[in-house]
Amino acid sequence: MSEELLTVNLKESMNASWKERTPKIIRVLKKEVARRSDADEEEIRVSEQLNEYIWARGIRRSMPRIHVKVVTDEDGVVTVRLPDEQTEEETEEKTEEEPALPEKAADEKPPEEPQPAQGPTTETPESQ
């Protein structure tokens, strides 16, 4: 399994009509990753989080470039993710390693939040 960080230029998608910009970003991303990783475009999978990140800006507003992590499996399947995205296996390992938190006693009250401070009052010269 190999990992690689890439910066993909997406300015090619700006030439598309506004209704086609975000779908074209996905196509350009797959094309560039296929070119750099020597894989077919059918073997490339875009993660759900990356897809949501791209579509979060809507269909009209595209981004000029994106940083991605390309992970190639032993089967030849290429997965494109966000650089800080973790897989389900990594999150399961972290939850197993974390120690259990001690339970709070039922009679303990949570600490009270401090009340906001009252600002200084302004007095007019007439009231003195």
C-alpha atoms as a PDB file:
ATOM      1  CA  MET A   1       0.000   0.000   0.000  1.00  0.00           C
ATOM      2  CA  SER A   2       1.482   3.338  -1.006  1.00  0.00           C
ATOM      3  CA  GLU A   3       0.488   6.859  -0.094  1.00  0.00           C
ATOM      4  CA  GLU A   4       1.257  10.088  -1.888  1.00  0.00           C
ATOM      5  CA  LEU A   5       0.282  13.726  -1.312  1.00  0.00           C
ATOM      6  CA  LEU A   6      -0.676  15.681  -4.421  1.00  0.00           C
ATOM      7  CA  THR A   7      -1.791  19.173  -5.282  1.00  0.00           C
ATOM      8  CA  VAL A   8      -4.160  19.035  -8.234  1.00  0.00           C
ATOM      9  CA  ASN A   9      -4.744  22.113 -10.371  1.00  0.00           C
ATOM     10  CA  LEU A  10      -8.484  22.431 -11.074  1.00  0.00           C
ATOM     11  CA  LYS A  11      -8.533  25.604 -13.185  1.00  0.00           C
ATOM     12  CA  GLU A  12      -9.553  23.519 -16.175  1.00  0.00           C
ATOM     13  CA  SER A  13     -12.993  23.226 -14.587  1.00  0.00           C
ATOM     14  CA  MET A  14     -13.470  27.010 -14.830  1.00  0.00           C
ATOM     15  CA  ASN A  15     -13.957  26.665 -18.599  1.00  0.00           C
ATOM     16  CA  ALA A  16     -17.164  24.666 -18.040  1.00  0.00           C
ATOM     17  CA  SER A  17     -20.582  26.248 -17.732  1.00  0.00           C
ATOM     18  CA  TRP A  18     -21.700  26.994 -14.183  1.00  0.00           C
ATOM     19  CA  LYS A  19     -23.968  23.940 -14.119  1.00  0.00           C
ATOM     20  CA  GLU A  20     -21.044  21.647 -14.946  1.00  0.00           C
ATOM     21  CA  ARG A  21     -18.233  23.057 -12.787  1.00  0.00           C
ATOM     22  CA  THR A  22     -18.335  20.806  -9.737  1.00  0.00           C
ATOM     23  CA  PRO A  23     -18.990  17.602 -11.725  1.00  0.00           C
ATOM     24  CA  LYS A  24     -16.058  18.582 -13.940  1.00  0.00           C
ATOM     25  CA  ILE A  25     -13.862  19.006 -10.840  1.00  0.00           C
ATOM     26  CA  ILE A  26     -14.464  15.338 -10.031  1.00  0.00           C
ATOM     27  CA  ARG A  27     -13.609  14.310 -13.602  1.00  0.00           C
ATOM     28  CA  VAL A  28     -10.446  16.462 -13.682  1.00  0.00           C
ATOM     29  CA  LEU A  29      -9.390  15.128 -10.273  1.00  0.00           C
ATOM     30  CA  LYS A  30      -9.786  11.510 -11.413  1.00  0.00           C
ATOM     31  CA  LYS A  31      -7.967  12.236 -14.682  1.00  0.00           C
ATOM     32  CA  GLU A  32      -4.979  13.844 -12.927  1.00  0.00           C
ATOM     33  CA  VAL A  33      -4.729  11.108 -10.293  1.00  0.00           C
ATOM     34  CA  ALA A  34      -4.915   8.458 -13.027  1.00  0.00           C
ATOM     35  CA  ARG A  35      -2.148  10.195 -14.959  1.00  0.00           C
ATOM     36  CA  ARG A  36       0.135  10.479 -11.930  1.00  0.00           C
ATOM     37  CA  SER A  37      -0.524   7.025 -10.463  1.00  0.00           C
ATOM     38  CA  ASP A  38      -0.597   5.008 -13.715  1.00  0.00           C
ATOM     39  CA  ALA A  39      -4.100   3.682 -13.020  1.00  0.00           C
ATOM     40  CA  ASP A  40      -7.305   3.589 -15.046  1.00  0.00           C
ATOM     41  CA  GLU A  41      -9.976   6.156 -14.200  1.00  0.00           C
ATOM     42  CA  GLU A  42     -12.385   3.275 -13.412  1.00  0.00           C
ATOM     43  CA  GLU A  43     -10.044   2.098 -10.608  1.00  0.00           C
ATOM     44  CA  ILE A  44     -10.080   5.475  -8.837  1.00  0.00           C
ATOM     45  CA  ARG A  45     -12.423   6.007  -5.887  1.00  0.00           C
ATOM     46  CA  VAL A  46     -13.136   9.404  -4.332  1.00  0.00           C
ATOM     47  CA  SER A  47     -13.845   9.260  -0.591  1.00  0.00           C
ATOM     48  CA  GLU A  48     -17.168  10.508   0.757  1.00  0.00           C
ATOM     49  CA  GLN A  49     -15.534  13.249   2.837  1.00  0.00           C
ATOM     50  CA  LEU A  50     -13.591  14.568  -0.163  1.00  0.00           C
ATOM     51  CA  ASN A  51     -16.742  14.503  -2.277  1.00  0.00           C
ATOM     52  CA  GLU A  52     -18.660  16.440   0.408  1.00  0.00           C
ATOM     53  CA  TYR A  53     -15.763  18.923   0.696  1.00  0.00           C
ATOM     54  CA  ILE A  54     -15.860  19.601  -3.065  1.00  0.00           C
ATOM     55  CA  TRP A  55     -19.664  19.881  -3.202  1.00  0.00           C
ATOM     56  CA  ALA A  56     -19.826  22.101  -0.067  1.00  0.00           C
ATOM     57  CA  ARG A  57     -19.161  25.160  -2.225  1.00  0.00           C
ATOM     58  CA  GLY A  58     -22.089  24.329  -4.478  1.00  0.00           C
ATOM     59  CA  ILE A  59     -22.279  23.589  -8.172  1.00  0.00           C
ATOM     60  CA  ARG A  60     -21.262  27.066  -9.351  1.00  0.00           C
ATOM     61  CA  ARG A  61     -18.292  28.032  -7.223  1.00  0.00           C
ATOM     62  CA  SER A  62     -15.308  25.835  -7.837  1.00  0.00           C
ATOM     63  CA  MET A  63     -11.867  25.884  -6.263  1.00  0.00           C
ATOM     64  CA  PRO A  64      -8.658  26.541  -8.212  1.00  0.00           C
ATOM     65  CA  ARG A  65      -6.665  23.682  -6.637  1.00  0.00           C
ATOM     66  CA  ILE A  66      -6.995  20.969  -4.029  1.00  0.00           C
ATOM     67  CA  HIS A  67      -4.557  19.026  -1.863  1.00  0.00           C
ATOM     68  CA  VAL A  68      -5.302  15.299  -1.697  1.00  0.00           C
ATOM     69  CA  LYS A  69      -3.806  12.054  -0.415  1.00  0.00           C
ATOM     70  CA  VAL A  70      -3.679   9.216  -2.941  1.00  0.00           C
ATOM     71  CA  VAL A  71      -3.651   5.709  -1.440  1.00  0.00           C
ATOM     72  CA  THR A  72      -3.051   2.685  -3.670  1.00  0.00           C
ATOM     73  CA  ASP A  73      -4.161  -0.727  -2.324  1.00  0.00           C
ATOM     74  CA  GLU A  74      -2.614  -4.099  -3.110  1.00  0.00           C
ATOM     75  CA  ASP A  75      -5.558  -4.801  -5.438  1.00  0.00           C
ATOM     76  CA  GLY A  76      -4.701  -1.778  -7.589  1.00  0.00           C
ATOM     77  CA  VAL A  77      -7.639   0.306  -6.338  1.00  0.00           C
ATOM     78  CA  VAL A  78      -6.671   3.954  -5.925  1.00  0.00           C
ATOM     79  CA  THR A  79      -8.503   5.947  -3.243  1.00  0.00           C
ATOM     80  CA  VAL A  80      -8.362   9.743  -3.189  1.00  0.00           C
ATOM     81  CA  ARG A  81      -8.867  11.367   0.241  1.00  0.00           C
ATOM     82  CA  LEU A  82      -8.372  14.618   2.068  1.00  0.00           C
ATOM     83  CA  PRO A  83      -4.869  14.805   3.616  1.00  0.00           C
ATOM     84  CA  ASP A  84      -6.164  14.801   7.212  1.00  0.00           C
ATOM     85  CA  GLU A  85      -8.922  12.215   6.621  1.00  0.00           C
ATOM     86  CA  GLN A  86      -8.673   8.977   8.602  1.00  0.00           C
ATOM     87  CA  THR A  87      -9.972   5.593   7.556  1.00  0.00           C
ATOM     88  CA  GLU A  88     -12.450   3.609   9.635  1.00  0.00           C
ATOM     89  CA  GLU A  89      -9.682   1.199  10.637  1.00  0.00           C
ATOM     90  CA  GLU A  90      -7.534   4.028  12.025  1.00  0.00           C
ATOM     91  CA  THR A  91     -10.410   5.427  14.085  1.00  0.00           C
ATOM     92  CA  GLU A  92     -11.218   1.963  15.488  1.00  0.00           C
ATOM     93  CA  GLU A  93      -7.593   1.528  16.554  1.00  0.00           C
ATOM     94  CA  LYS A  94      -7.612   4.875  18.341  1.00  0.00           C
ATOM     95  CA  THR A  95     -10.835   4.110  20.219  1.00  0.00           C
ATOM     96  CA  GLU A  96      -9.416   0.780  21.379  1.00  0.00           C
ATOM     97  CA  GLU A  97      -6.260   2.482  22.691  1.00  0.00           C
ATOM     98  CA  GLU A  98      -8.062   5.215  24.665  1.00  0.00           C
ATOM     99  CA  PRO A  99      -8.586   4.356  28.346  1.00  0.00           C
ATOM    100  CA  ALA A 100     -12.129   4.379  29.688  1.00  0.00           C
ATOM    101  CA  LEU A 101     -13.125   7.536  31.530  1.00  0.00           C
ATOM    102  CA  PRO A 102     -14.152   7.139  35.191  1.00  0.00           C
ATOM    103  CA  GLU A 103     -17.865   7.472  35.805  1.00  0.00           C
ATOM    104  CA  LYS A 104     -19.079  10.476  37.798  1.00  0.00           C
ATOM    105  CA  ALA A 105     -20.978   9.939  41.002  1.00  0.00           C
ATOM    106  CA  ALA A 106     -24.689  10.715  40.796  1.00  0.00           C
ATOM    107  CA  ASP A 107     -24.615  12.994  43.867  1.00  0.00           C
ATOM    108  CA  GLU A 108     -21.914  15.283  42.429  1.00  0.00           C
ATOM    109  CA  LYS A 109     -23.203  18.491  40.933  1.00  0.00           C
ATOM    110  CA  PRO A 110     -21.570  19.916  37.835  1.00  0.00           C
ATOM    111  CA  PRO A 111     -19.670  23.153  38.473  1.00  0.00           C
ATOM    112  CA  GLU A 112     -21.847  26.208  38.124  1.00  0.00           C
ATOM    113  CA  GLU A 113     -21.075  28.624  35.345  1.00  0.00           C
ATOM    114  CA  PRO A 114     -20.077  32.121  36.472  1.00  0.00           C
ATOM    115  CA  GLN A 115     -22.637  34.834  35.888  1.00  0.00           C
ATOM    116  CA  PRO A 116     -21.658  37.517  33.397  1.00  0.00           C
ATOM    117  CA  ALA A 117     -20.295  40.647  35.057  1.00  0.00           C
ATOM    118  CA  GLN A 118     -22.503  43.700  35.065  1.00  0.00           C
ATOM    119  CA  GLY A 119     -20.966  46.661  33.291  1.00  0.00           C
ATOM    120  CA  PRO A 120     -20.413  49.982  35.050  1.00  0.00           C
ATOM    121  CA  THR A 121     -23.501  52.127  35.284  1.00  0.00           C
ATOM    122  CA  THR A 122     -23.301  55.605  33.905  1.00  0.00           C
ATOM    123  CA  GLU A 123     -24.769  58.323  36.028  1.00  0.00           C
ATOM    124  CA  THR A 124     -25.819  61.629  34.606  1.00  0.00           C
ATOM    125  CA  PRO A 125     -24.873  64.834  36.419  1.00  0.00           C
ATOM    126  CA  GLU A 126     -28.576  65.572  37.003  1.00  0.00           C
ATOM    127  CA  SER A 127     -29.118  62.520  39.171  1.00  0.00           C
ATOM    128  CA  GLN A 128     -26.318  63.415  41.613  1.00  0.00           C
END
